[in-house]
Amino acid sequence: MSHRKFEAPRHGHLGFGPRKRTRSHRGRVKAYPKDDAKKPVHMTAFMGYKAGMTHIVRDLERPGSSKFWQ
């Protein structure tokens, strides 16, 4: 079997790999389509981001909670 994975995009769940932290949390638009002044105004690009790279810290101050004052 040849090394096809270098010549084609991954399919299915493997399309979300590699699972690692991103270099920056801001998205990048790599290419913009050319605007035509004769056509009406429309969205030329959509800036996305890599999901799942957030970190949330919260305190639980509910008596009876398993994490109360720990």
PDB file of N, CA and C in Angstrom:
ATOM      1  N   MET A   1       0.846  -1.173   0.000  1.00  0.00           N
ATOM      2  CA  MET A   1       0.000   0.000   0.000  1.00  0.00           C
ATOM      3  C   MET A   1       0.893   1.238   0.000  1.00  0.00           C
ATOM      4  N   SER A   2       0.597   2.162  -0.855  1.00  0.00           N
ATOM      5  CA  SER A   2       1.422   3.369  -0.942  1.00  0.00           C
ATOM      6  C   SER A   2       1.047   4.360   0.155  1.00  0.00           C
ATOM      7  N   HIS A   3       1.800   5.427   0.262  1.00  0.00           N
ATOM      8  CA  HIS A   3       1.553   6.448   1.279  1.00  0.00           C
ATOM      9  C   HIS A   3       0.527   7.439   0.772  1.00  0.00           C
ATOM     10  N   ARG A   4      -0.726   7.005   0.715  1.00  0.00           N
ATOM     11  CA  ARG A   4      -1.794   7.853   0.194  1.00  0.00           C
ATOM     12  C   ARG A   4      -2.135   8.989   1.146  1.00  0.00           C
ATOM     13  N   LYS A   5      -1.859   8.834   2.438  1.00  0.00           N
ATOM     14  CA  LYS A   5      -2.277   9.843   3.399  1.00  0.00           C
ATOM     15  C   LYS A   5      -1.571  11.177   3.184  1.00  0.00           C
ATOM     16  N   PHE A   6      -0.489  11.183   2.455  1.00  0.00           N
ATOM     17  CA  PHE A   6       0.194  12.433   2.162  1.00  0.00           C
ATOM     18  C   PHE A   6      -0.370  13.111   0.921  1.00  0.00           C
ATOM     19  N   GLU A   7      -1.211  12.418   0.173  1.00  0.00           N
ATOM     20  CA  GLU A   7      -1.719  12.950  -1.086  1.00  0.00           C
ATOM     21  C   GLU A   7      -3.201  13.284  -1.039  1.00  0.00           C
ATOM     22  N   ALA A   8      -3.901  12.938   0.029  1.00  0.00           N
ATOM     23  CA  ALA A   8      -5.334  13.175   0.106  1.00  0.00           C
ATOM     24  C   ALA A   8      -5.701  13.593   1.527  1.00  0.00           C
ATOM     25  N   PRO A   9      -6.763  14.353   1.679  1.00  0.00           N
ATOM     26  CA  PRO A   9      -7.184  14.729   3.031  1.00  0.00           C
ATOM     27  C   PRO A   9      -7.729  13.529   3.794  1.00  0.00           C
ATOM     28  N   ARG A  10      -7.715  13.643   5.105  1.00  0.00           N
ATOM     29  CA  ARG A  10      -8.233  12.561   5.932  1.00  0.00           C
ATOM     30  C   ARG A  10      -9.753  12.586   5.933  1.00  0.00           C
ATOM     31  N   HIS A  11     -10.337  11.424   6.106  1.00  0.00           N
ATOM     32  CA  HIS A  11     -11.788  11.299   6.071  1.00  0.00           C
ATOM     33  C   HIS A  11     -12.312  10.934   7.450  1.00  0.00           C
ATOM     34  N   GLY A  12     -13.541  11.348   7.718  1.00  0.00           N
ATOM     35  CA  GLY A  12     -14.196  10.961   8.959  1.00  0.00           C
ATOM     36  C   GLY A  12     -13.570  11.604  10.181  1.00  0.00           C
ATOM     37  N   HIS A  13     -13.454  10.827  11.255  1.00  0.00           N
ATOM     38  CA  HIS A  13     -12.954  11.335  12.525  1.00  0.00           C
ATOM     39  C   HIS A  13     -11.490  11.759  12.430  1.00  0.00           C
ATOM     40  N   LEU A  14     -10.724  11.146  11.555  1.00  0.00           N
ATOM     41  CA  LEU A  14      -9.314  11.502  11.421  1.00  0.00           C
ATOM     42  C   LEU A  14      -9.120  12.884  10.810  1.00  0.00           C
ATOM     43  N   GLY A  15     -10.182  13.461  10.253  1.00  0.00           N
ATOM     44  CA  GLY A  15     -10.076  14.801   9.690  1.00  0.00           C
ATOM     45  C   GLY A  15      -9.864  15.866  10.741  1.00  0.00           C
ATOM     46  N   PHE A  16     -10.085  15.533  12.023  1.00  0.00           N
ATOM     47  CA  PHE A  16      -9.905  16.494  13.102  1.00  0.00           C
ATOM     48  C   PHE A  16      -8.525  16.387  13.736  1.00  0.00           C
ATOM     49  N   GLY A  17      -7.656  15.583  13.200  1.00  0.00           N
ATOM     50  CA  GLY A  17      -6.320  15.428  13.767  1.00  0.00           C
ATOM     51  C   GLY A  17      -5.339  16.401  13.151  1.00  0.00           C
ATOM     52  N   PRO A  18      -4.202  16.576  13.705  1.00  0.00           N
ATOM     53  CA  PRO A  18      -3.735  15.987  14.942  1.00  0.00           C
ATOM     54  C   PRO A  18      -4.337  16.680  16.157  1.00  0.00           C
ATOM     55  N   ARG A  19      -4.564  15.914  17.224  1.00  0.00           N
ATOM     56  CA  ARG A  19      -5.160  16.487  18.430  1.00  0.00           C
ATOM     57  C   ARG A  19      -4.052  17.096  19.277  1.00  0.00           C
ATOM     58  N   LYS A  20      -3.836  18.366  19.116  1.00  0.00           N
ATOM     59  CA  LYS A  20      -2.823  19.069  19.898  1.00  0.00           C
ATOM     60  C   LYS A  20      -3.248  20.513  20.070  1.00  0.00           C
ATOM     61  N   ARG A  21      -2.545  21.221  20.918  1.00  0.00           N
ATOM     62  CA  ARG A  21      -2.866  22.625  21.147  1.00  0.00           C
ATOM     63  C   ARG A  21      -2.460  23.452  19.939  1.00  0.00           C
ATOM     64  N   THR A  22      -3.287  24.434  19.656  1.00  0.00           N
ATOM     65  CA  THR A  22      -3.014  25.290  18.513  1.00  0.00           C
ATOM     66  C   THR A  22      -1.975  26.352  18.868  1.00  0.00           C
ATOM     67  N   ARG A  23      -1.289  26.880  17.862  1.00  0.00           N
ATOM     68  CA  ARG A  23      -0.289  27.921  18.105  1.00  0.00           C
ATOM     69  C   ARG A  23      -0.931  29.216  18.557  1.00  0.00           C
ATOM     70  N   SER A  24      -2.075  29.557  17.978  1.00  0.00           N
ATOM     71  CA  SER A  24      -2.767  30.783  18.380  1.00  0.00           C
ATOM     72  C   SER A  24      -4.263  30.500  18.414  1.00  0.00           C
ATOM     73  N   HIS A  25      -4.973  31.221  19.279  1.00  0.00           N
ATOM     74  CA  HIS A  25      -6.410  31.015  19.407  1.00  0.00           C
ATOM     75  C   HIS A  25      -7.180  31.807  18.365  1.00  0.00           C
ATOM     76  N   ARG A  26      -6.505  32.694  17.665  1.00  0.00           N
ATOM     77  CA  ARG A  26      -7.162  33.461  16.611  1.00  0.00           C
ATOM     78  C   ARG A  26      -7.073  32.704  15.291  1.00  0.00           C
ATOM     79  N   GLY A  27      -8.144  32.734  14.540  1.00  0.00           N
ATOM     80  CA  GLY A  27      -8.148  32.050  13.264  1.00  0.00           C
ATOM     81  C   GLY A  27      -7.390  32.818  12.196  1.00  0.00           C
ATOM     82  N   ARG A  28      -7.074  32.143  11.114  1.00  0.00           N
ATOM     83  CA  ARG A  28      -6.376  32.765   9.993  1.00  0.00           C
ATOM     84  C   ARG A  28      -7.192  32.549   8.733  1.00  0.00           C
ATOM     85  N   VAL A  29      -7.262  33.570   7.914  1.00  0.00           N
ATOM     86  CA  VAL A  29      -7.868  33.436   6.595  1.00  0.00           C
ATOM     87  C   VAL A  29      -6.716  33.385   5.612  1.00  0.00           C
ATOM     88  N   LYS A  30      -6.534  32.243   4.979  1.00  0.00           N
ATOM     89  CA  LYS A  30      -5.362  32.063   4.131  1.00  0.00           C
ATOM     90  C   LYS A  30      -5.528  32.665   2.747  1.00  0.00           C
ATOM     91  N   ALA A  31      -6.753  32.757   2.270  1.00  0.00           N
ATOM     92  CA  ALA A  31      -6.965  33.294   0.924  1.00  0.00           C
ATOM     93  C   ALA A  31      -8.301  34.013   0.874  1.00  0.00           C
ATOM     94  N   TYR A  32      -8.314  35.142   0.227  1.00  0.00           N
ATOM     95  CA  TYR A  32      -9.534  35.908   0.013  1.00  0.00           C
ATOM     96  C   TYR A  32      -9.903  35.829  -1.466  1.00  0.00           C
ATOM     97  N   PRO A  33     -11.171  35.617  -1.780  1.00  0.00           N
ATOM     98  CA  PRO A  33     -11.565  35.687  -3.187  1.00  0.00           C
ATOM     99  C   PRO A  33     -11.535  37.135  -3.664  1.00  0.00           C
ATOM    100  N   LYS A  34     -11.340  37.311  -4.933  1.00  0.00           N
ATOM    101  CA  LYS A  34     -11.299  38.653  -5.512  1.00  0.00           C
ATOM    102  C   LYS A  34     -12.700  39.252  -5.519  1.00  0.00           C
ATOM    103  N   ASP A  35     -12.798  40.515  -5.109  1.00  0.00           N
ATOM    104  CA  ASP A  35     -14.074  41.218  -5.118  1.00  0.00           C
ATOM    105  C   ASP A  35     -14.325  41.831  -6.489  1.00  0.00           C
ATOM    106  N   ASP A  36     -15.584  41.794  -6.888  1.00  0.00           N
ATOM    107  CA  ASP A  36     -16.000  42.419  -8.139  1.00  0.00           C
ATOM    108  C   ASP A  36     -16.902  43.592  -7.775  1.00  0.00           C
ATOM    109  N   ALA A  37     -16.523  44.796  -8.176  1.00  0.00           N
ATOM    110  CA  ALA A  37     -17.281  46.000  -7.823  1.00  0.00           C
ATOM    111  C   ALA A  37     -18.659  46.027  -8.476  1.00  0.00           C
ATOM    112  N   LYS A  38     -18.860  45.249  -9.518  1.00  0.00           N
ATOM    113  CA  LYS A  38     -20.144  45.238 -10.224  1.00  0.00           C
ATOM    114  C   LYS A  38     -21.189  44.384  -9.507  1.00  0.00           C
ATOM    115  N   LYS A  39     -20.747  43.434  -8.693  1.00  0.00           N
ATOM    116  CA  LYS A  39     -21.671  42.549  -7.986  1.00  0.00           C
ATOM    117  C   LYS A  39     -22.064  43.166  -6.648  1.00  0.00           C
ATOM    118  N   PRO A  40     -23.217  42.770  -6.072  1.00  0.00           N
ATOM    119  CA  PRO A  40     -23.612  43.309  -4.762  1.00  0.00           C
ATOM    120  C   PRO A  40     -22.668  42.836  -3.650  1.00  0.00           C
ATOM    121  N   VAL A  41     -22.715  43.538  -2.539  1.00  0.00           N
ATOM    122  CA  VAL A  41     -21.843  43.223  -1.411  1.00  0.00           C
ATOM    123  C   VAL A  41     -22.252  41.876  -0.815  1.00  0.00           C
ATOM    124  N   HIS A  42     -21.278  41.034  -0.534  1.00  0.00           N
ATOM    125  CA  HIS A  42     -21.531  39.732   0.065  1.00  0.00           C
ATOM    126  C   HIS A  42     -20.348  39.358   0.960  1.00  0.00           C
ATOM    127  N   MET A  43     -20.536  38.333   1.763  1.00  0.00           N
ATOM    128  CA  MET A  43     -19.473  37.888   2.652  1.00  0.00           C
ATOM    129  C   MET A  43     -18.402  37.176   1.833  1.00  0.00           C
ATOM    130  N   THR A  44     -17.174  37.639   1.934  1.00  0.00           N
ATOM    131  CA  THR A  44     -16.102  37.045   1.144  1.00  0.00           C
ATOM    132  C   THR A  44     -15.348  35.961   1.899  1.00  0.00           C
ATOM    133  N   ALA A  45     -15.316  36.039   3.229  1.00  0.00           N
ATOM    134  CA  ALA A  45     -14.569  35.045   4.001  1.00  0.00           C
ATOM    135  C   ALA A  45     -15.223  34.870   5.364  1.00  0.00           C
ATOM    136  N   PHE A  46     -14.999  33.714   5.945  1.00  0.00           N
ATOM    137  CA  PHE A  46     -15.491  33.430   7.292  1.00  0.00           C
ATOM    138  C   PHE A  46     -14.302  33.012   8.141  1.00  0.00           C
ATOM    139  N   MET A  47     -14.106  33.716   9.245  1.00  0.00           N
ATOM    140  CA  MET A  47     -12.961  33.414  10.091  1.00  0.00           C
ATOM    141  C   MET A  47     -13.391  32.465  11.199  1.00  0.00           C
ATOM    142  N   GLY A  48     -12.817  31.288  11.221  1.00  0.00           N
ATOM    143  CA  GLY A  48     -13.144  30.300  12.232  1.00  0.00           C
ATOM    144  C   GLY A  48     -12.014  30.135  13.225  1.00  0.00           C
ATOM    145  N   TYR A  49     -12.170  29.216  14.135  1.00  0.00           N
ATOM    146  CA  TYR A  49     -11.146  28.951  15.130  1.00  0.00           C
ATOM    147  C   TYR A  49     -11.173  27.471  15.473  1.00  0.00           C
ATOM    148  N   LYS A  50     -10.105  27.012  16.071  1.00  0.00           N
ATOM    149  CA  LYS A  50     -10.046  25.619  16.475  1.00  0.00           C
ATOM    150  C   LYS A  50     -10.800  25.458  17.787  1.00  0.00           C
ATOM    151  N   ALA A  51     -11.800  24.635  17.797  1.00  0.00           N
ATOM    152  CA  ALA A  51     -12.645  24.477  18.984  1.00  0.00           C
ATOM    153  C   ALA A  51     -11.973  23.570  20.010  1.00  0.00           C
ATOM    154  N   GLY A  52     -12.375  23.744  21.244  1.00  0.00           N
ATOM    155  CA  GLY A  52     -11.889  22.880  22.302  1.00  0.00           C
ATOM    156  C   GLY A  52     -10.584  23.316  22.920  1.00  0.00           C
ATOM    157  N   MET A  53     -10.127  24.515  22.643  1.00  0.00           N
ATOM    158  CA  MET A  53      -8.859  24.974  23.193  1.00  0.00           C
ATOM    159  C   MET A  53      -9.073  26.029  24.273  1.00  0.00           C
ATOM    160  N   THR A  54     -10.180  25.945  24.998  1.00  0.00           N
ATOM    161  CA  THR A  54     -10.449  26.912  26.053  1.00  0.00           C
ATOM    162  C   THR A  54     -10.189  26.274  27.410  1.00  0.00           C
ATOM    163  N   HIS A  55     -10.018  27.116  28.398  1.00  0.00           N
ATOM    164  CA  HIS A  55      -9.770  26.638  29.755  1.00  0.00           C
ATOM    165  C   HIS A  55     -10.651  27.448  30.690  1.00  0.00           C
ATOM    166  N   ILE A  56     -11.453  26.786  31.488  1.00  0.00           N
ATOM    167  CA  ILE A  56     -12.387  27.464  32.384  1.00  0.00           C
ATOM    168  C   ILE A  56     -12.059  27.067  33.817  1.00  0.00           C
ATOM    169  N   VAL A  57     -11.943  28.072  34.683  1.00  0.00           N
ATOM    170  CA  VAL A  57     -11.731  27.842  36.110  1.00  0.00           C
ATOM    171  C   VAL A  57     -12.920  28.432  36.844  1.00  0.00           C
ATOM    172  N   ARG A  58     -13.538  27.660  37.697  1.00  0.00           N
ATOM    173  CA  ARG A  58     -14.678  28.172  38.448  1.00  0.00           C
ATOM    174  C   ARG A  58     -14.629  27.644  39.875  1.00  0.00           C
ATOM    175  N   ASP A  59     -15.223  28.405  40.780  1.00  0.00           N
ATOM    176  CA  ASP A  59     -15.295  28.021  42.184  1.00  0.00           C
ATOM    177  C   ASP A  59     -16.709  27.570  42.507  1.00  0.00           C
ATOM    178  N   LEU A  60     -16.807  26.490  43.241  1.00  0.00           N
ATOM    179  CA  LEU A  60     -18.103  26.019  43.708  1.00  0.00           C
ATOM    180  C   LEU A  60     -18.244  26.400  45.170  1.00  0.00           C
ATOM    181  N   GLU A  61     -19.209  27.224  45.460  1.00  0.00           N
ATOM    182  CA  GLU A  61     -19.443  27.638  46.840  1.00  0.00           C
ATOM    183  C   GLU A  61     -20.821  27.193  47.302  1.00  0.00           C
ATOM    184  N   ARG A  62     -21.202  25.997  46.906  1.00  0.00           N
ATOM    185  CA  ARG A  62     -22.490  25.453  47.322  1.00  0.00           C
ATOM    186  C   ARG A  62     -22.268  24.450  48.437  1.00  0.00           C
ATOM    187  N   PRO A  63     -22.814  24.673  49.600  1.00  0.00           N
ATOM    188  CA  PRO A  63     -22.693  23.667  50.666  1.00  0.00           C
ATOM    189  C   PRO A  63     -23.347  22.355  50.216  1.00  0.00           C
ATOM    190  N   GLY A  64     -22.689  21.271  50.510  1.00  0.00           N
ATOM    191  CA  GLY A  64     -23.190  19.969  50.106  1.00  0.00           C
ATOM    192  C   GLY A  64     -22.558  19.471  48.825  1.00  0.00           C
ATOM    193  N   SER A  65     -21.843  20.338  48.121  1.00  0.00           N
ATOM    194  CA  SER A  65     -21.172  19.924  46.899  1.00  0.00           C
ATOM    195  C   SER A  65     -19.927  19.119  47.255  1.00  0.00           C
ATOM    196  N   SER A  66     -19.550  18.175  46.413  1.00  0.00           N
ATOM    197  CA  SER A  66     -18.377  17.353  46.699  1.00  0.00           C
ATOM    198  C   SER A  66     -17.085  18.156  46.600  1.00  0.00           C
ATOM    199  N   LYS A  67     -17.106  19.281  45.899  1.00  0.00           N
ATOM    200  CA  LYS A  67     -15.910  20.106  45.736  1.00  0.00           C
ATOM    201  C   LYS A  67     -15.953  21.372  46.590  1.00  0.00           C
ATOM    202  N   PHE A  68     -16.834  21.420  47.573  1.00  0.00           N
ATOM    203  CA  PHE A  68     -17.013  22.627  48.377  1.00  0.00           C
ATOM    204  C   PHE A  68     -15.787  22.877  49.245  1.00  0.00           C
ATOM    205  N   TRP A  69     -15.151  24.053  49.089  1.00  0.00           N
ATOM    206  CA  TRP A  69     -13.974  24.514  49.834  1.00  0.00           C
ATOM    207  C   TRP A  69     -12.814  23.536  49.746  1.00  0.00           C
ATOM    208  N   GLN A  70     -12.534  23.049  48.591  1.00  0.00           N
ATOM    209  CA  GLN A  70     -11.364  22.180  48.407  1.00  0.00           C
ATOM    210  C   GLN A  70     -10.355  22.862  47.533  1.00  0.00           C
TER     211      GLN A  70
END
